Amino acid sequence: MKSSLGSAVFFLPPGTPGDVARGWNRAALAAQVAVRAAALGLGADLTLDQMTGLAQVVRDDDAGRPLSPTTQAAIRAALRRPLSLADAPEEIAAAVFSHLPDSPVPVLGPDGRRYFLVAVPG
């Protein structure tokens, strides 16, 4: 299934440093896998086989490539408890600045839905 979040080569401006592009790709993939995992009732304790299977659904050309440990950690981070207005500002800052740019940050919106913050380099 083609994803709606493009890879860095199509999304980020030409000349974007490679490490920034890889971070974007990782965060975008992790968010997409997390959306599908959450829809299935899976959490951060999902197995590597479950994670890999969901990533194969999301990926296009490199569906068979194994997930790196860093990408696995990003997916698990995206599936942790979402931040909400009830969290202390210090908790929110710690979660945001310790996980971005490589991992999406899950938040609970005012509408009760889970959203994933993915850093877009500027």
Protein backbone atom coordinates (compact mmCIF):
# COMPACT_ATOMS: atom_id res chain seq x y z
CA MET A 1 0.00 0.00 0.00
CA LYS A 2 1.52 3.29 -1.04
CA SER A 3 1.94 5.68 1.85
CA SER A 4 0.83 9.27 1.78
CA LEU A 5 3.99 10.52 3.50
CA GLY A 6 6.64 10.71 0.83
CA SER A 7 10.25 9.80 1.38
CA ALA A 8 12.79 12.53 2.01
CA VAL A 9 13.95 12.57 -1.60
CA PHE A 10 10.49 13.78 -2.68
CA PHE A 11 9.54 15.77 0.42
CA LEU A 12 12.64 17.64 1.56
CA PRO A 13 14.42 20.33 -0.46
CA PRO A 14 17.42 19.39 -2.62
CA GLY A 15 20.67 19.57 -0.69
CA THR A 16 19.19 18.37 2.60
CA PRO A 17 21.96 16.59 4.53
CA GLY A 18 21.79 12.80 4.44
CA ASP A 19 21.41 12.34 8.20
CA VAL A 20 18.45 14.74 8.23
CA ALA A 21 16.83 12.90 5.32
CA ARG A 22 17.33 9.52 7.03
CA GLY A 23 15.80 10.92 10.24
CA TRP A 24 12.76 12.12 8.28
CA ASN A 25 12.36 8.75 6.55
CA ARG A 26 12.63 6.92 9.87
CA ALA A 27 10.10 9.15 11.63
CA ALA A 28 7.65 8.99 8.72
CA LEU A 29 7.88 5.20 8.55
CA ALA A 30 7.56 4.87 12.33
CA ALA A 31 4.44 7.06 12.38
CA GLN A 32 2.80 5.06 9.59
CA VAL A 33 3.60 1.72 11.24
CA ALA A 34 2.35 3.06 14.58
CA VAL A 35 -0.97 4.16 13.06
CA ARG A 36 -1.55 0.67 11.70
CA ALA A 37 -0.37 -1.01 14.92
CA ALA A 38 -2.66 1.16 17.08
CA ALA A 39 -5.60 0.39 14.79
CA LEU A 40 -4.96 -3.30 15.49
CA GLY A 41 -4.82 -2.69 19.24
CA LEU A 42 -1.05 -3.22 19.41
CA GLY A 43 1.19 -1.19 21.68
CA ALA A 44 4.89 -0.58 22.22
CA ASP A 45 5.30 -4.24 23.20
CA LEU A 46 4.50 -5.48 19.68
CA THR A 47 6.80 -8.22 18.44
CA LEU A 48 9.49 -7.74 15.83
CA ASP A 49 7.48 -9.95 13.46
CA GLN A 50 4.40 -7.73 13.90
CA MET A 51 6.48 -4.61 13.40
CA THR A 52 8.16 -6.02 10.31
CA GLY A 53 4.85 -7.15 8.82
CA LEU A 54 3.29 -3.72 9.29
CA ALA A 55 6.38 -2.03 7.83
CA GLN A 56 6.08 -4.23 4.74
CA VAL A 57 2.54 -2.93 4.24
CA VAL A 58 3.78 0.67 4.43
CA ARG A 59 6.97 0.40 2.40
CA ASP A 60 7.04 0.40 -1.37
CA ASP A 61 10.29 -0.59 -3.06
CA ASP A 62 12.24 -1.91 -0.06
CA ALA A 63 9.53 -3.90 1.71
CA GLY A 64 11.88 -6.82 2.35
CA ARG A 65 14.62 -4.79 4.02
CA PRO A 66 14.93 -5.51 7.77
CA LEU A 67 14.17 -2.75 10.25
CA SER A 68 17.23 -1.28 11.93
CA PRO A 69 17.35 -1.21 15.74
CA THR A 70 17.00 2.59 15.54
CA THR A 71 13.83 2.29 13.45
CA GLN A 72 12.44 -0.36 15.79
CA ALA A 73 13.02 2.02 18.71
CA ALA A 74 11.30 4.84 16.80
CA ILE A 75 8.24 2.65 16.19
CA ARG A 76 8.09 1.64 19.86
CA ALA A 77 8.49 5.29 20.89
CA ALA A 78 5.58 6.26 18.63
CA LEU A 79 3.41 3.67 20.37
CA ARG A 80 4.07 4.84 23.92
CA ARG A 81 1.41 6.67 25.90
CA PRO A 82 0.47 9.84 24.04
CA LEU A 83 1.15 13.18 25.66
CA SER A 84 -1.87 15.26 26.61
CA LEU A 85 -2.78 18.58 28.17
CA ALA A 86 -2.77 16.78 31.54
CA ASP A 87 0.99 16.21 31.32
CA ALA A 88 3.35 18.63 33.02
CA PRO A 89 5.20 21.01 30.69
CA GLU A 90 8.49 19.44 31.78
CA GLU A 91 7.27 15.97 30.72
CA ILE A 92 6.16 17.30 27.34
CA ALA A 93 9.45 19.10 26.73
CA ALA A 94 11.45 16.02 27.75
CA ALA A 95 9.44 13.75 25.44
CA VAL A 96 9.62 16.12 22.48
CA PHE A 97 13.28 17.02 22.74
CA SER A 98 14.50 13.50 23.52
CA HIS A 99 12.67 11.83 20.60
CA LEU A 100 12.63 14.31 17.73
CA PRO A 101 13.71 14.30 14.95
CA ASP A 102 14.03 10.50 14.44
CA SER A 103 10.96 9.35 16.38
CA PRO A 104 7.40 10.61 16.11
CA VAL A 105 5.90 11.95 19.32
CA PRO A 106 2.37 10.70 20.05
CA VAL A 107 -0.06 13.28 21.42
CA LEU A 108 -3.70 13.15 22.37
CA GLY A 109 -5.60 15.93 20.64
CA PRO A 110 -8.51 17.86 22.14
CA ASP A 111 -10.82 15.69 20.03
CA GLY A 112 -9.56 12.54 21.82
CA ARG A 113 -7.70 11.26 18.77
CA ARG A 114 -4.07 10.17 18.78
CA TYR A 115 -1.79 12.24 16.54
CA PHE A 116 1.88 11.75 15.73
CA LEU A 117 4.20 14.74 15.62
CA VAL A 118 6.86 14.23 12.98
CA ALA A 119 9.62 16.82 12.76
CA VAL A 120 9.83 18.54 9.40
CA PRO A 121 13.26 20.13 9.03
CA GLY A 122 13.17 23.74 8.02
